[in-house]
Amino acid sequence: MLETTVQSGTNIVTITADGGVTAEDMQRMRAVLDEVVREHDSVRMVAVRGDIDLADISPRALWLDLKSAGYLKRLERLAVVTDVDWEAKLSEWTTDLLHVPTRRFRLDERTAALAWISQP
């Protein structure tokens, strides 16, 4: 499941991935991101990785995920919330390659991630 929420009146989007991911999940996420970009021209994202079942991600969801790379140029700031160490390494690359301020938080630090993403 992919859950996408927006803090009302802001450009802060939280995307929580847990279990499998369907194409419909990805389409809902893209619709939310489109709306936030239309309203604010940028996105501050909190990406929370739960226990993802890689075997239960539909091929179309993977394709839509790849097509979502265009949102990266609209990222103002990214908080990666995960206990998976290789994803922490990816967040370092985001900072280096895309020049997007990125910080990794552990799952038990989700409140700190929201506080950091909300800073001016």
N, C-alpha and C. Protein backbone atom coordinates (compact mmCIF):
# COMPACT_ATOMS: atom_id res chain seq x y z
N MET A 1 0.84 -1.18 0.00
CA MET A 1 0.00 0.00 0.00
C MET A 1 0.88 1.24 0.00
N LEU A 2 0.46 2.21 -0.73
CA LEU A 2 1.13 3.49 -0.80
C LEU A 2 0.12 4.53 -0.36
N GLU A 3 0.40 5.20 0.75
CA GLU A 3 -0.50 6.22 1.26
C GLU A 3 0.14 7.58 1.07
N THR A 4 -0.59 8.50 0.48
CA THR A 4 -0.08 9.84 0.20
C THR A 4 -0.97 10.85 0.89
N THR A 5 -0.36 11.70 1.74
CA THR A 5 -1.11 12.72 2.45
C THR A 5 -0.40 14.06 2.33
N VAL A 6 -1.16 15.14 2.46
CA VAL A 6 -0.63 16.49 2.39
C VAL A 6 -1.00 17.22 3.68
N GLN A 7 -0.03 17.94 4.24
CA GLN A 7 -0.36 18.81 5.37
C GLN A 7 -1.13 19.99 4.80
N SER A 8 -2.32 20.19 5.27
CA SER A 8 -3.22 21.20 4.73
C SER A 8 -2.54 22.57 4.65
N GLY A 9 -2.69 23.21 3.48
CA GLY A 9 -2.17 24.55 3.28
C GLY A 9 -0.67 24.63 3.05
N THR A 10 0.00 23.48 2.91
CA THR A 10 1.45 23.47 2.71
C THR A 10 1.80 22.66 1.48
N ASN A 11 3.10 22.62 1.19
CA ASN A 11 3.59 21.77 0.11
C ASN A 11 4.28 20.52 0.67
N ILE A 12 3.93 20.17 1.91
CA ILE A 12 4.53 19.00 2.57
C ILE A 12 3.67 17.77 2.30
N VAL A 13 4.29 16.82 1.60
CA VAL A 13 3.62 15.57 1.22
C VAL A 13 4.32 14.42 1.93
N THR A 14 3.54 13.56 2.58
CA THR A 14 4.08 12.35 3.18
C THR A 14 3.62 11.17 2.35
N ILE A 15 4.59 10.37 1.93
CA ILE A 15 4.30 9.16 1.17
C ILE A 15 4.79 7.98 2.00
N THR A 16 3.86 7.12 2.39
CA THR A 16 4.19 5.96 3.22
C THR A 16 3.98 4.70 2.40
N ALA A 17 5.04 3.92 2.27
CA ALA A 17 4.98 2.67 1.52
C ALA A 17 5.08 1.51 2.50
N ASP A 18 4.13 0.59 2.39
CA ASP A 18 4.11 -0.57 3.28
C ASP A 18 3.37 -1.69 2.57
N GLY A 19 3.98 -2.86 2.51
CA GLY A 19 3.36 -3.99 1.81
C GLY A 19 3.56 -3.87 0.32
N GLY A 20 2.55 -4.22 -0.45
CA GLY A 20 2.61 -4.14 -1.91
C GLY A 20 2.21 -2.76 -2.40
N VAL A 21 2.48 -2.50 -3.67
CA VAL A 21 2.13 -1.23 -4.29
C VAL A 21 1.46 -1.52 -5.62
N THR A 22 0.30 -0.91 -5.82
CA THR A 22 -0.44 -1.11 -7.06
C THR A 22 -0.31 0.12 -7.96
N ALA A 23 -0.70 -0.04 -9.20
CA ALA A 23 -0.71 1.08 -10.13
C ALA A 23 -1.67 2.16 -9.64
N GLU A 24 -2.78 1.74 -9.04
CA GLU A 24 -3.75 2.71 -8.52
C GLU A 24 -3.13 3.53 -7.39
N ASP A 25 -2.33 2.89 -6.53
CA ASP A 25 -1.61 3.63 -5.47
C ASP A 25 -0.73 4.70 -6.10
N MET A 26 0.01 4.33 -7.14
CA MET A 26 0.92 5.26 -7.80
C MET A 26 0.15 6.39 -8.49
N GLN A 27 -0.98 6.08 -9.08
CA GLN A 27 -1.78 7.12 -9.74
C GLN A 27 -2.32 8.12 -8.72
N ARG A 28 -2.75 7.64 -7.55
CA ARG A 28 -3.22 8.53 -6.49
C ARG A 28 -2.07 9.43 -6.02
N MET A 29 -0.87 8.85 -5.84
CA MET A 29 0.29 9.63 -5.42
C MET A 29 0.59 10.72 -6.44
N ARG A 30 0.61 10.35 -7.71
CA ARG A 30 0.92 11.32 -8.77
C ARG A 30 -0.13 12.44 -8.82
N ALA A 31 -1.39 12.11 -8.59
CA ALA A 31 -2.45 13.13 -8.58
C ALA A 31 -2.22 14.13 -7.44
N VAL A 32 -1.85 13.62 -6.27
CA VAL A 32 -1.57 14.50 -5.13
C VAL A 32 -0.37 15.39 -5.43
N LEU A 33 0.70 14.80 -5.96
CA LEU A 33 1.89 15.59 -6.28
C LEU A 33 1.58 16.64 -7.34
N ASP A 34 0.80 16.29 -8.35
CA ASP A 34 0.42 17.26 -9.37
C ASP A 34 -0.31 18.46 -8.76
N GLU A 35 -1.23 18.18 -7.85
CA GLU A 35 -2.00 19.25 -7.21
C GLU A 35 -1.09 20.14 -6.36
N VAL A 36 -0.20 19.54 -5.59
CA VAL A 36 0.71 20.32 -4.75
C VAL A 36 1.63 21.18 -5.61
N VAL A 37 2.16 20.63 -6.69
CA VAL A 37 3.04 21.40 -7.58
C VAL A 37 2.26 22.55 -8.22
N ARG A 38 1.01 22.31 -8.62
CA ARG A 38 0.19 23.38 -9.19
C ARG A 38 -0.01 24.52 -8.20
N GLU A 39 -0.24 24.16 -6.94
CA GLU A 39 -0.52 25.18 -5.93
C GLU A 39 0.73 25.88 -5.39
N HIS A 40 1.85 25.14 -5.29
CA HIS A 40 3.03 25.68 -4.60
C HIS A 40 4.29 25.73 -5.45
N ASP A 41 4.29 25.10 -6.60
CA ASP A 41 5.44 25.04 -7.51
C ASP A 41 6.61 24.22 -6.98
N SER A 42 6.48 23.66 -5.79
CA SER A 42 7.52 22.80 -5.24
C SER A 42 6.89 21.84 -4.24
N VAL A 43 7.67 20.82 -3.85
CA VAL A 43 7.20 19.81 -2.92
C VAL A 43 8.27 19.59 -1.86
N ARG A 44 7.85 19.51 -0.63
CA ARG A 44 8.69 19.02 0.47
C ARG A 44 8.14 17.65 0.80
N MET A 45 8.98 16.63 0.69
CA MET A 45 8.49 15.26 0.79
C MET A 45 9.08 14.52 1.98
N VAL A 46 8.20 13.81 2.67
CA VAL A 46 8.61 12.86 3.70
C VAL A 46 8.29 11.49 3.14
N ALA A 47 9.33 10.71 2.86
CA ALA A 47 9.17 9.37 2.29
C ALA A 47 9.40 8.35 3.40
N VAL A 48 8.33 7.66 3.80
CA VAL A 48 8.38 6.69 4.88
C VAL A 48 8.33 5.29 4.28
N ARG A 49 9.37 4.52 4.54
CA ARG A 49 9.43 3.16 4.02
C ARG A 49 9.15 2.18 5.14
N GLY A 50 7.99 1.54 5.04
CA GLY A 50 7.65 0.49 5.99
C GLY A 50 8.22 -0.83 5.49
N ASP A 51 7.48 -1.87 5.71
CA ASP A 51 7.90 -3.21 5.30
C ASP A 51 7.36 -3.49 3.90
N ILE A 52 8.11 -3.10 2.89
CA ILE A 52 7.66 -3.25 1.50
C ILE A 52 7.88 -4.68 1.04
N ASP A 53 6.86 -5.23 0.39
CA ASP A 53 6.97 -6.56 -0.20
C ASP A 53 7.28 -6.39 -1.68
N LEU A 54 8.56 -6.49 -2.03
CA LEU A 54 8.98 -6.26 -3.40
C LEU A 54 8.30 -7.20 -4.39
N ALA A 55 7.93 -8.39 -3.94
CA ALA A 55 7.25 -9.35 -4.82
C ALA A 55 5.80 -8.93 -5.09
N ASP A 56 5.29 -7.99 -4.31
CA ASP A 56 3.90 -7.57 -4.44
C ASP A 56 3.79 -6.13 -4.95
N ILE A 57 4.72 -5.74 -5.82
CA ILE A 57 4.65 -4.46 -6.51
C ILE A 57 4.34 -4.75 -7.96
N SER A 58 3.25 -4.19 -8.45
CA SER A 58 2.84 -4.51 -9.82
C SER A 58 3.81 -3.87 -10.82
N PRO A 59 4.00 -4.53 -11.96
CA PRO A 59 4.87 -3.98 -13.00
C PRO A 59 4.44 -2.57 -13.44
N ARG A 60 3.15 -2.34 -13.54
CA ARG A 60 2.67 -1.01 -13.93
C ARG A 60 2.99 0.02 -12.85
N ALA A 61 2.96 -0.38 -11.58
CA ALA A 61 3.33 0.53 -10.50
C ALA A 61 4.80 0.92 -10.62
N LEU A 62 5.64 -0.06 -10.96
CA LEU A 62 7.07 0.24 -11.16
C LEU A 62 7.26 1.22 -12.31
N TRP A 63 6.53 1.01 -13.40
CA TRP A 63 6.62 1.91 -14.54
C TRP A 63 6.18 3.33 -14.16
N LEU A 64 5.07 3.45 -13.44
CA LEU A 64 4.60 4.76 -13.01
C LEU A 64 5.59 5.41 -12.04
N ASP A 65 6.26 4.59 -11.24
CA ASP A 65 7.27 5.12 -10.33
C ASP A 65 8.42 5.73 -11.14
N LEU A 66 8.87 5.02 -12.15
CA LEU A 66 9.94 5.56 -13.01
C LEU A 66 9.51 6.85 -13.69
N LYS A 67 8.27 6.89 -14.14
CA LYS A 67 7.76 8.10 -14.79
C LYS A 67 7.63 9.26 -13.81
N SER A 68 7.63 8.98 -12.52
CA SER A 68 7.50 10.02 -11.50
C SER A 68 8.81 10.75 -11.23
N ALA A 69 9.87 10.34 -11.88
CA ALA A 69 11.18 10.98 -11.66
C ALA A 69 11.14 12.47 -11.95
N GLY A 70 10.23 12.91 -12.81
CA GLY A 70 10.11 14.33 -13.11
C GLY A 70 9.79 15.19 -11.90
N TYR A 71 9.19 14.59 -10.89
CA TYR A 71 8.89 15.35 -9.67
C TYR A 71 10.16 15.72 -8.91
N LEU A 72 11.25 15.02 -9.17
CA LEU A 72 12.50 15.30 -8.45
C LEU A 72 12.95 16.74 -8.65
N LYS A 73 12.71 17.30 -9.83
CA LYS A 73 13.13 18.68 -10.05
C LYS A 73 12.26 19.68 -9.30
N ARG A 74 11.15 19.23 -8.75
CA ARG A 74 10.27 20.09 -7.96
C ARG A 74 10.50 19.93 -6.45
N LEU A 75 11.41 19.01 -6.10
CA LEU A 75 11.68 18.78 -4.68
C LEU A 75 12.44 19.95 -4.07
N GLU A 76 11.91 20.45 -2.99
CA GLU A 76 12.56 21.53 -2.24
C GLU A 76 13.38 20.94 -1.10
N ARG A 77 12.88 19.85 -0.53
CA ARG A 77 13.54 19.19 0.59
C ARG A 77 12.96 17.78 0.69
N LEU A 78 13.80 16.81 1.13
CA LEU A 78 13.37 15.42 1.22
C LEU A 78 13.83 14.81 2.54
N ALA A 79 12.88 14.26 3.29
CA ALA A 79 13.18 13.50 4.50
C ALA A 79 12.88 12.03 4.19
N VAL A 80 13.89 11.19 4.33
CA VAL A 80 13.74 9.75 4.10
C VAL A 80 13.66 9.09 5.46
N VAL A 81 12.53 8.44 5.72
CA VAL A 81 12.30 7.81 7.02
C VAL A 81 12.33 6.30 6.81
N THR A 82 13.42 5.68 7.26
CA THR A 82 13.60 4.24 7.02
C THR A 82 14.64 3.67 7.98
N ASP A 83 14.51 2.40 8.24
CA ASP A 83 15.53 1.67 8.98
C ASP A 83 16.40 0.84 8.03
N VAL A 84 16.17 0.98 6.74
CA VAL A 84 16.91 0.23 5.73
C VAL A 84 18.14 1.04 5.33
N ASP A 85 19.32 0.53 5.64
CA ASP A 85 20.54 1.30 5.46
C ASP A 85 20.87 1.66 4.01
N TRP A 86 20.56 0.76 3.05
CA TRP A 86 20.90 1.10 1.67
C TRP A 86 20.06 2.27 1.17
N GLU A 87 18.85 2.45 1.71
CA GLU A 87 18.04 3.60 1.32
C GLU A 87 18.62 4.89 1.89
N ALA A 88 19.25 4.78 3.04
CA ALA A 88 19.93 5.94 3.60
C ALA A 88 21.04 6.40 2.66
N LYS A 89 21.74 5.45 2.08
CA LYS A 89 22.80 5.78 1.13
C LYS A 89 22.21 6.48 -0.10
N LEU A 90 21.08 6.01 -0.58
CA LEU A 90 20.42 6.67 -1.71
C LEU A 90 20.07 8.11 -1.39
N SER A 91 19.66 8.36 -0.14
CA SER A 91 19.31 9.74 0.22
C SER A 91 20.54 10.64 0.17
N GLU A 92 21.71 10.13 0.47
CA GLU A 92 22.93 10.92 0.32
C GLU A 92 23.16 11.28 -1.14
N TRP A 93 22.90 10.35 -2.03
CA TRP A 93 23.08 10.60 -3.46
C TRP A 93 22.11 11.68 -3.94
N THR A 94 20.90 11.69 -3.37
CA THR A 94 19.93 12.71 -3.76
C THR A 94 20.49 14.09 -3.49
N THR A 95 21.10 14.27 -2.34
CA THR A 95 21.70 15.55 -2.01
C THR A 95 22.83 15.89 -2.98
N ASP A 96 23.70 14.94 -3.22
CA ASP A 96 24.87 15.18 -4.07
C ASP A 96 24.51 15.38 -5.54
N LEU A 97 23.63 14.55 -6.06
CA LEU A 97 23.33 14.60 -7.49
C LEU A 97 22.29 15.65 -7.87
N LEU A 98 21.30 15.82 -7.02
CA LEU A 98 20.19 16.72 -7.37
C LEU A 98 20.23 18.04 -6.61
N HIS A 99 21.15 18.14 -5.69
CA HIS A 99 21.27 19.36 -4.87
C HIS A 99 19.97 19.67 -4.14
N VAL A 100 19.34 18.62 -3.63
CA VAL A 100 18.13 18.74 -2.83
C VAL A 100 18.51 18.42 -1.40
N PRO A 101 18.28 19.33 -0.47
CA PRO A 101 18.58 19.01 0.93
C PRO A 101 17.81 17.75 1.34
N THR A 102 18.54 16.75 1.76
CA THR A 102 17.97 15.46 2.10
C THR A 102 18.54 14.99 3.42
N ARG A 103 17.68 14.43 4.23
CA ARG A 103 18.14 13.90 5.52
C ARG A 103 17.42 12.60 5.79
N ARG A 104 18.16 11.66 6.36
CA ARG A 104 17.59 10.36 6.70
C ARG A 104 17.24 10.33 8.18
N PHE A 105 16.10 9.74 8.47
CA PHE A 105 15.62 9.54 9.84
C PHE A 105 15.24 8.07 10.00
N ARG A 106 15.39 7.55 11.16
CA ARG A 106 14.93 6.18 11.46
C ARG A 106 13.41 6.22 11.65
N LEU A 107 12.78 5.06 11.57
CA LEU A 107 11.32 5.00 11.69
C LEU A 107 10.81 5.58 13.00
N ASP A 108 11.58 5.43 14.07
CA ASP A 108 11.13 5.97 15.36
C ASP A 108 11.41 7.48 15.48
N GLU A 109 11.91 8.10 14.40
CA GLU A 109 12.19 9.54 14.39
C GLU A 109 11.26 10.29 13.44
N ARG A 110 10.12 9.73 13.18
CA ARG A 110 9.20 10.35 12.21
C ARG A 110 8.79 11.76 12.62
N THR A 111 8.58 12.00 13.91
CA THR A 111 8.23 13.34 14.37
C THR A 111 9.35 14.33 14.08
N ALA A 112 10.59 13.90 14.27
CA ALA A 112 11.74 14.76 13.97
C ALA A 112 11.82 15.04 12.46
N ALA A 113 11.48 14.06 11.65
CA ALA A 113 11.48 14.26 10.20
C ALA A 113 10.46 15.32 9.80
N LEU A 114 9.29 15.27 10.39
CA LEU A 114 8.25 16.27 10.09
C LEU A 114 8.68 17.65 10.55
N ALA A 115 9.34 17.73 11.70
CA ALA A 115 9.83 19.02 12.19
C ALA A 115 10.90 19.57 11.24
N TRP A 116 11.81 18.73 10.78
CA TRP A 116 12.89 19.17 9.89
C TRP A 116 12.32 19.63 8.54
N ILE A 117 11.40 18.87 8.00
CA ILE A 117 10.85 19.20 6.68
C ILE A 117 10.06 20.50 6.72
N SER A 118 9.56 20.88 7.90
CA SER A 118 8.74 22.07 8.06
C SER A 118 9.56 23.34 8.26
N GLN A 119 10.86 23.20 8.50
CA GLN A 119 11.70 24.38 8.74
C GLN A 119 11.78 25.23 7.49
N PRO A 120 11.92 26.55 7.70
CA PRO A 120 12.06 27.45 6.54
C PRO A 120 13.37 27.22 5.80
